[in-house]
Amino acid sequence: MQATRRAILSILKKTGQASVDELGRRLGLTSMCVRQHLAILERDRLIRSHEERQKLGRPRLVYTLTEHAEEFFPKNYSQLLDWILDEIKGGDGLENIESLFDRLAERMANQFQSEIADKPLRERMAAICAEMNVAGSLAEWEERDGTYCLHEHNCRYHSVAAKHPDICRMELSFLRRVLDAEVTMVECLLHDGPRCSYVIRPRPVG
């Protein structure tokens, strides 16, 4: 993101809200320049505006962050999850870990079952690939003579999966459940693969 727009988000995060004039003073920019950046941020649904009444004079327009802006601020979920999994394993809970990821895979799949259950495999592939991209997988798929290939160029769980590879099995189990198909992993980013790739085949009838 452009540096000035990132600075605006940081100011709004700290102050809760700010007007064009306040942002201009903090950034050393003209009101016209600030408005141009605000228009782009509002277009991208990262900020919203509303009128605020003042004791004197006309109401002023102030800007606040939307929930979509949260992704631009650092989070440390991966370390927290890593610690939680370590604690479970430390209590002789390896079987509990495997069971946990299996339940998570089922829960993830159930989110989409009602929407795609009756669709052909091709349409299920397209729908799930789109959802994975929303989550940051940089996924794409292709069809080869009735067999499908799904490629994830980015591992959403990479920092945790490097220590807890059960997460890879969770992703595999999720795909088998949600696609209701035979799914085989053929490449893995954690094992020096260029991407995580899966071969998907329809289940045999009968």
C-alpha atoms as a PDB file:
ATOM      1  CA  MET A   1       0.000   0.000   0.000  1.00  0.00           C
ATOM      2  CA  GLN A   2       1.129   3.551  -0.740  1.00  0.00           C
ATOM      3  CA  ALA A   3       2.958   5.093   2.253  1.00  0.00           C
ATOM      4  CA  THR A   4       0.632   8.083   2.797  1.00  0.00           C
ATOM      5  CA  ARG A   5      -2.483   5.919   2.816  1.00  0.00           C
ATOM      6  CA  ARG A   6      -0.840   3.520   5.265  1.00  0.00           C
ATOM      7  CA  ALA A   7       0.010   6.528   7.461  1.00  0.00           C
ATOM      8  CA  ILE A   8      -3.647   7.626   7.373  1.00  0.00           C
ATOM      9  CA  LEU A   9      -4.741   4.174   8.518  1.00  0.00           C
ATOM     10  CA  SER A  10      -2.213   4.290  11.371  1.00  0.00           C
ATOM     11  CA  ILE A  11      -3.461   7.707  12.514  1.00  0.00           C
ATOM     12  CA  LEU A  12      -7.082   6.538  12.473  1.00  0.00           C
ATOM     13  CA  LYS A  13      -6.106   3.393  14.373  1.00  0.00           C
ATOM     14  CA  LYS A  14      -4.520   5.506  17.129  1.00  0.00           C
ATOM     15  CA  THR A  15      -7.069   8.320  17.294  1.00  0.00           C
ATOM     16  CA  GLY A  16     -10.293   6.466  16.476  1.00  0.00           C
ATOM     17  CA  GLN A  17     -11.396   9.156  14.069  1.00  0.00           C
ATOM     18  CA  ALA A  18     -10.077  12.276  12.337  1.00  0.00           C
ATOM     19  CA  SER A  19     -11.185  15.003   9.964  1.00  0.00           C
ATOM     20  CA  VAL A  20      -9.502  16.069   6.744  1.00  0.00           C
ATOM     21  CA  ASP A  21      -7.943  19.094   8.456  1.00  0.00           C
ATOM     22  CA  GLU A  22      -6.594  16.992  11.337  1.00  0.00           C
ATOM     23  CA  LEU A  23      -5.060  14.465   8.960  1.00  0.00           C
ATOM     24  CA  GLY A  24      -3.573  17.258   6.882  1.00  0.00           C
ATOM     25  CA  ARG A  25      -1.878  18.809   9.925  1.00  0.00           C
ATOM     26  CA  ARG A  26      -0.448  15.481  11.057  1.00  0.00           C
ATOM     27  CA  LEU A  27       0.809  14.539   7.607  1.00  0.00           C
ATOM     28  CA  GLY A  28       1.880  17.981   6.435  1.00  0.00           C
ATOM     29  CA  LEU A  29      -0.364  17.756   3.375  1.00  0.00           C
ATOM     30  CA  THR A  30      -2.993  19.988   1.793  1.00  0.00           C
ATOM     31  CA  SER A  31      -6.667  19.214   2.300  1.00  0.00           C
ATOM     32  CA  MET A  32      -7.033  18.429  -1.409  1.00  0.00           C
ATOM     33  CA  CYS A  33      -4.217  15.877  -1.265  1.00  0.00           C
ATOM     34  CA  VAL A  34      -5.660  14.241   1.862  1.00  0.00           C
ATOM     35  CA  ARG A  35      -9.103  13.989   0.252  1.00  0.00           C
ATOM     36  CA  GLN A  36      -7.609  12.203  -2.761  1.00  0.00           C
ATOM     37  CA  HIS A  37      -6.084   9.551  -0.510  1.00  0.00           C
ATOM     38  CA  LEU A  38      -9.278   9.277   1.558  1.00  0.00           C
ATOM     39  CA  ALA A  39     -11.327   8.731  -1.588  1.00  0.00           C
ATOM     40  CA  ILE A  40      -9.152   5.758  -2.525  1.00  0.00           C
ATOM     41  CA  LEU A  41      -9.319   4.287   0.994  1.00  0.00           C
ATOM     42  CA  GLU A  42     -13.087   4.735   1.062  1.00  0.00           C
ATOM     43  CA  ARG A  43     -13.393   3.139  -2.374  1.00  0.00           C
ATOM     44  CA  ASP A  44     -11.439   0.143  -1.058  1.00  0.00           C
ATOM     45  CA  ARG A  45     -13.790  -0.048   1.959  1.00  0.00           C
ATOM     46  CA  LEU A  46     -10.965   0.524   4.445  1.00  0.00           C
ATOM     47  CA  ILE A  47     -12.501   3.684   5.936  1.00  0.00           C
ATOM     48  CA  ARG A  48     -15.951   5.183   6.309  1.00  0.00           C
ATOM     49  CA  SER A  49     -17.114   8.739   6.960  1.00  0.00           C
ATOM     50  CA  HIS A  50     -19.904  10.356   8.929  1.00  0.00           C
ATOM     51  CA  GLU A  51     -20.938  13.839   9.975  1.00  0.00           C
ATOM     52  CA  GLU A  52     -20.132  14.986  13.500  1.00  0.00           C
ATOM     53  CA  ARG A  53     -21.969  17.918  15.038  1.00  0.00           C
ATOM     54  CA  GLN A  54     -19.929  20.674  16.665  1.00  0.00           C
ATOM     55  CA  LYS A  55     -20.870  23.244  19.310  1.00  0.00           C
ATOM     56  CA  LEU A  56     -20.306  26.018  16.806  1.00  0.00           C
ATOM     57  CA  GLY A  57     -20.529  26.011  13.052  1.00  0.00           C
ATOM     58  CA  ARG A  58     -21.553  23.375  10.571  1.00  0.00           C
ATOM     59  CA  PRO A  59     -21.135  19.637  11.160  1.00  0.00           C
ATOM     60  CA  ARG A  60     -17.754  18.306  10.071  1.00  0.00           C
ATOM     61  CA  LEU A  61     -16.970  15.093   8.203  1.00  0.00           C
ATOM     62  CA  VAL A  62     -14.825  12.626  10.147  1.00  0.00           C
ATOM     63  CA  TYR A  63     -13.297   9.323   9.056  1.00  0.00           C
ATOM     64  CA  THR A  64     -12.979   6.006  10.879  1.00  0.00           C
ATOM     65  CA  LEU A  65     -11.595   2.576  10.019  1.00  0.00           C
ATOM     66  CA  THR A  66     -13.767  -0.300   8.849  1.00  0.00           C
ATOM     67  CA  GLU A  67     -13.250  -3.928   9.846  1.00  0.00           C
ATOM     68  CA  HIS A  68     -11.505  -4.506   6.499  1.00  0.00           C
ATOM     69  CA  ALA A  69      -8.605  -2.273   7.611  1.00  0.00           C
ATOM     70  CA  GLU A  70      -7.628  -4.685  10.386  1.00  0.00           C
ATOM     71  CA  GLU A  71      -5.677  -6.858   7.954  1.00  0.00           C
ATOM     72  CA  PHE A  72      -3.117  -4.059   7.568  1.00  0.00           C
ATOM     73  CA  PHE A  73      -2.114  -4.195  11.236  1.00  0.00           C
ATOM     74  CA  PRO A  74       0.221  -6.943  12.529  1.00  0.00           C
ATOM     75  CA  LYS A  75      -1.304  -9.934  14.288  1.00  0.00           C
ATOM     76  CA  ASN A  76       0.469 -12.753  16.122  1.00  0.00           C
ATOM     77  CA  TYR A  77      -2.067 -15.554  15.813  1.00  0.00           C
ATOM     78  CA  SER A  78       0.504 -18.015  14.467  1.00  0.00           C
ATOM     79  CA  GLN A  79       2.662 -17.906  17.597  1.00  0.00           C
ATOM     80  CA  LEU A  80      -0.364 -18.242  19.858  1.00  0.00           C
ATOM     81  CA  LEU A  81      -1.571 -21.276  17.882  1.00  0.00           C
ATOM     82  CA  ASP A  82       1.941 -22.740  17.979  1.00  0.00           C
ATOM     83  CA  TRP A  83       2.015 -22.469  21.773  1.00  0.00           C
ATOM     84  CA  ILE A  84      -1.450 -24.019  22.107  1.00  0.00           C
ATOM     85  CA  LEU A  85      -0.477 -27.010  19.955  1.00  0.00           C
ATOM     86  CA  ASP A  86       2.775 -27.430  21.899  1.00  0.00           C
ATOM     87  CA  GLU A  87       0.833 -27.520  25.161  1.00  0.00           C
ATOM     88  CA  ILE A  88      -1.563 -30.159  23.810  1.00  0.00           C
ATOM     89  CA  LYS A  89       1.308 -32.313  22.558  1.00  0.00           C
ATOM     90  CA  GLY A  90       3.231 -31.796  25.775  1.00  0.00           C
ATOM     91  CA  GLY A  91       0.403 -33.453  27.646  1.00  0.00           C
ATOM     92  CA  ASP A  92       0.729 -36.672  25.633  1.00  0.00           C
ATOM     93  CA  GLY A  93      -2.019 -35.408  23.385  1.00  0.00           C
ATOM     94  CA  LEU A  94      -0.809 -36.397  19.911  1.00  0.00           C
ATOM     95  CA  GLU A  95      -4.015 -38.343  19.285  1.00  0.00           C
ATOM     96  CA  ASN A  96      -5.976 -35.327  20.510  1.00  0.00           C
ATOM     97  CA  ILE A  97      -4.147 -33.141  17.979  1.00  0.00           C
ATOM     98  CA  GLU A  98      -5.050 -35.470  15.117  1.00  0.00           C
ATOM     99  CA  SER A  99      -8.651 -35.618  16.291  1.00  0.00           C
ATOM    100  CA  LEU A 100      -8.752 -31.836  16.644  1.00  0.00           C
ATOM    101  CA  PHE A 101      -7.588 -31.223  13.074  1.00  0.00           C
ATOM    102  CA  ASP A 102     -10.023 -33.827  11.763  1.00  0.00           C
ATOM    103  CA  ARG A 103     -12.896 -32.023  13.488  1.00  0.00           C
ATOM    104  CA  LEU A 104     -11.674 -28.692  12.158  1.00  0.00           C
ATOM    105  CA  ALA A 105     -11.569 -30.090   8.608  1.00  0.00           C
ATOM    106  CA  GLU A 106     -15.152 -31.300   9.004  1.00  0.00           C
ATOM    107  CA  ARG A 107     -16.247 -27.946  10.385  1.00  0.00           C
ATOM    108  CA  MET A 108     -14.605 -26.076   7.499  1.00  0.00           C
ATOM    109  CA  ALA A 109     -16.236 -28.379   4.946  1.00  0.00           C
ATOM    110  CA  ASN A 110     -19.665 -28.033   6.545  1.00  0.00           C
ATOM    111  CA  GLN A 111     -19.572 -24.285   5.896  1.00  0.00           C
ATOM    112  CA  PHE A 112     -19.850 -24.927   2.167  1.00  0.00           C
ATOM    113  CA  GLN A 113     -21.758 -28.205   1.922  1.00  0.00           C
ATOM    114  CA  SER A 114     -25.201 -26.650   1.663  1.00  0.00           C
ATOM    115  CA  GLU A 115     -24.042 -24.302  -1.122  1.00  0.00           C
ATOM    116  CA  ILE A 116     -22.205 -26.780  -3.350  1.00  0.00           C
ATOM    117  CA  ALA A 117     -23.404 -30.274  -2.371  1.00  0.00           C
ATOM    118  CA  ASP A 118     -25.574 -30.775  -5.471  1.00  0.00           C
ATOM    119  CA  LYS A 119     -23.215 -29.139  -7.955  1.00  0.00           C
ATOM    120  CA  PRO A 120     -20.998 -31.017 -10.418  1.00  0.00           C
ATOM    121  CA  LEU A 121     -17.379 -31.489  -9.334  1.00  0.00           C
ATOM    122  CA  ARG A 122     -16.222 -28.844 -11.804  1.00  0.00           C
ATOM    123  CA  GLU A 123     -18.421 -26.197 -10.184  1.00  0.00           C
ATOM    124  CA  ARG A 124     -17.386 -27.332  -6.691  1.00  0.00           C
ATOM    125  CA  MET A 125     -13.747 -26.925  -7.719  1.00  0.00           C
ATOM    126  CA  ALA A 126     -14.354 -23.365  -8.928  1.00  0.00           C
ATOM    127  CA  ALA A 127     -16.304 -22.386  -5.801  1.00  0.00           C
ATOM    128  CA  ILE A 128     -13.772 -23.775  -3.327  1.00  0.00           C
ATOM    129  CA  CYS A 129     -10.829 -22.326  -5.238  1.00  0.00           C
ATOM    130  CA  ALA A 130     -12.472 -18.899  -5.084  1.00  0.00           C
ATOM    131  CA  GLU A 131     -13.017 -19.222  -1.325  1.00  0.00           C
ATOM    132  CA  MET A 132      -9.406 -20.300  -0.807  1.00  0.00           C
ATOM    133  CA  ASN A 133      -8.241 -17.214  -2.684  1.00  0.00           C
ATOM    134  CA  VAL A 134     -10.299 -14.985  -0.427  1.00  0.00           C
ATOM    135  CA  ALA A 135      -8.431 -16.597   2.494  1.00  0.00           C
ATOM    136  CA  GLY A 136      -5.060 -15.892   0.833  1.00  0.00           C
ATOM    137  CA  SER A 137      -4.087 -19.207  -0.776  1.00  0.00           C
ATOM    138  CA  LEU A 138      -3.275 -17.820  -4.245  1.00  0.00           C
ATOM    139  CA  ALA A 139      -5.039 -20.909  -5.573  1.00  0.00           C
ATOM    140  CA  GLU A 140      -5.827 -21.978  -9.122  1.00  0.00           C
ATOM    141  CA  TRP A 141      -7.249 -25.119 -10.675  1.00  0.00           C
ATOM    142  CA  GLU A 142      -7.274 -26.908 -14.006  1.00  0.00           C
ATOM    143  CA  GLU A 143      -9.005 -29.859 -15.631  1.00  0.00           C
ATOM    144  CA  ARG A 144      -7.223 -32.639 -17.501  1.00  0.00           C
ATOM    145  CA  ASP A 145      -9.424 -35.308 -19.099  1.00  0.00           C
ATOM    146  CA  GLY A 146     -11.864 -35.501 -16.200  1.00  0.00           C
ATOM    147  CA  THR A 147      -9.152 -35.220 -13.559  1.00  0.00           C
ATOM    148  CA  TYR A 148      -8.645 -31.939 -11.729  1.00  0.00           C
ATOM    149  CA  CYS A 149      -5.550 -30.297 -10.280  1.00  0.00           C
ATOM    150  CA  LEU A 150      -5.626 -27.680  -7.526  1.00  0.00           C
ATOM    151  CA  HIS A 151      -2.537 -25.583  -6.822  1.00  0.00           C
ATOM    152  CA  GLU A 152      -1.968 -23.405  -3.754  1.00  0.00           C
ATOM    153  CA  HIS A 153       0.963 -21.038  -4.268  1.00  0.00           C
ATOM    154  CA  ASN A 154       0.755 -19.665  -0.741  1.00  0.00           C
ATOM    155  CA  CYS A 155       0.364 -21.655   2.489  1.00  0.00           C
ATOM    156  CA  ARG A 156      -1.957 -19.775   4.830  1.00  0.00           C
ATOM    157  CA  TYR A 157      -0.588 -21.712   7.804  1.00  0.00           C
ATOM    158  CA  HIS A 158       3.086 -21.884   6.813  1.00  0.00           C
ATOM    159  CA  SER A 159       4.734 -20.634  10.019  1.00  0.00           C
ATOM    160  CA  VAL A 160       2.715 -23.072  12.157  1.00  0.00           C
ATOM    161  CA  ALA A 161       2.617 -25.966   9.677  1.00  0.00           C
ATOM    162  CA  ALA A 162       6.431 -26.067   9.560  1.00  0.00           C
ATOM    163  CA  LYS A 163       6.351 -27.307  13.159  1.00  0.00           C
ATOM    164  CA  HIS A 164       2.932 -28.996  13.143  1.00  0.00           C
ATOM    165  CA  PRO A 165       2.528 -30.785   9.769  1.00  0.00           C
ATOM    166  CA  ASP A 166      -0.827 -32.160  10.949  1.00  0.00           C
ATOM    167  CA  ILE A 167      -2.208 -28.935   9.476  1.00  0.00           C
ATOM    168  CA  CYS A 168      -1.355 -30.264   5.996  1.00  0.00           C
ATOM    169  CA  ARG A 169      -3.484 -33.327   6.698  1.00  0.00           C
ATOM    170  CA  MET A 170      -6.278 -31.017   7.836  1.00  0.00           C
ATOM    171  CA  GLU A 171      -6.224 -29.242   4.454  1.00  0.00           C
ATOM    172  CA  LEU A 172      -6.239 -32.585   2.640  1.00  0.00           C
ATOM    173  CA  SER A 173      -9.126 -33.861   4.754  1.00  0.00           C
ATOM    174  CA  PHE A 174     -11.030 -30.630   4.149  1.00  0.00           C
ATOM    175  CA  LEU A 175     -10.713 -30.980   0.376  1.00  0.00           C
ATOM    176  CA  ARG A 176     -11.821 -34.628   0.427  1.00  0.00           C
ATOM    177  CA  ARG A 177     -14.883 -33.748   2.460  1.00  0.00           C
ATOM    178  CA  VAL A 178     -15.952 -30.567   0.707  1.00  0.00           C
ATOM    179  CA  LEU A 179     -15.360 -31.889  -2.828  1.00  0.00           C
ATOM    180  CA  ASP A 180     -16.645 -35.394  -2.041  1.00  0.00           C
ATOM    181  CA  ALA A 181     -13.870 -36.739  -4.252  1.00  0.00           C
ATOM    182  CA  GLU A 182     -10.601 -38.679  -4.173  1.00  0.00           C
ATOM    183  CA  VAL A 183      -7.858 -36.156  -3.372  1.00  0.00           C
ATOM    184  CA  THR A 184      -4.111 -36.843  -3.387  1.00  0.00           C
ATOM    185  CA  MET A 185      -1.407 -34.348  -2.445  1.00  0.00           C
ATOM    186  CA  VAL A 186       1.443 -34.484  -4.977  1.00  0.00           C
ATOM    187  CA  GLU A 187       3.472 -31.375  -4.038  1.00  0.00           C
ATOM    188  CA  CYS A 188       3.984 -29.565  -0.743  1.00  0.00           C
ATOM    189  CA  LEU A 189       5.612 -26.240   0.068  1.00  0.00           C
ATOM    190  CA  LEU A 190       6.865 -27.667   3.370  1.00  0.00           C
ATOM    191  CA  HIS A 191       8.768 -30.400   1.525  1.00  0.00           C
ATOM    192  CA  ASP A 192      10.583 -28.119  -0.917  1.00  0.00           C
ATOM    193  CA  GLY A 193       7.796 -28.182  -3.483  1.00  0.00           C
ATOM    194  CA  PRO A 194       7.163 -25.077  -5.568  1.00  0.00           C
ATOM    195  CA  ARG A 195       3.547 -25.098  -4.323  1.00  0.00           C
ATOM    196  CA  CYS A 196       0.974 -27.333  -2.643  1.00  0.00           C
ATOM    197  CA  SER A 197      -0.712 -29.337  -5.394  1.00  0.00           C
ATOM    198  CA  TYR A 198      -3.558 -31.834  -5.296  1.00  0.00           C
ATOM    199  CA  VAL A 199      -4.933 -34.265  -7.868  1.00  0.00           C
ATOM    200  CA  ILE A 200      -8.715 -34.638  -7.598  1.00  0.00           C
ATOM    201  CA  ARG A 201     -10.682 -37.467  -9.156  1.00  0.00           C
ATOM    202  CA  PRO A 202     -14.409 -38.194  -8.943  1.00  0.00           C
ATOM    203  CA  ARG A 203     -15.287 -41.025  -6.577  1.00  0.00           C
ATOM    204  CA  PRO A 204     -16.135 -44.296  -8.338  1.00  0.00           C
ATOM    205  CA  VAL A 205     -19.867 -44.732  -8.763  1.00  0.00           C
ATOM    206  CA  GLY A 206     -21.266 -47.687  -6.856  1.00  0.00           C
END
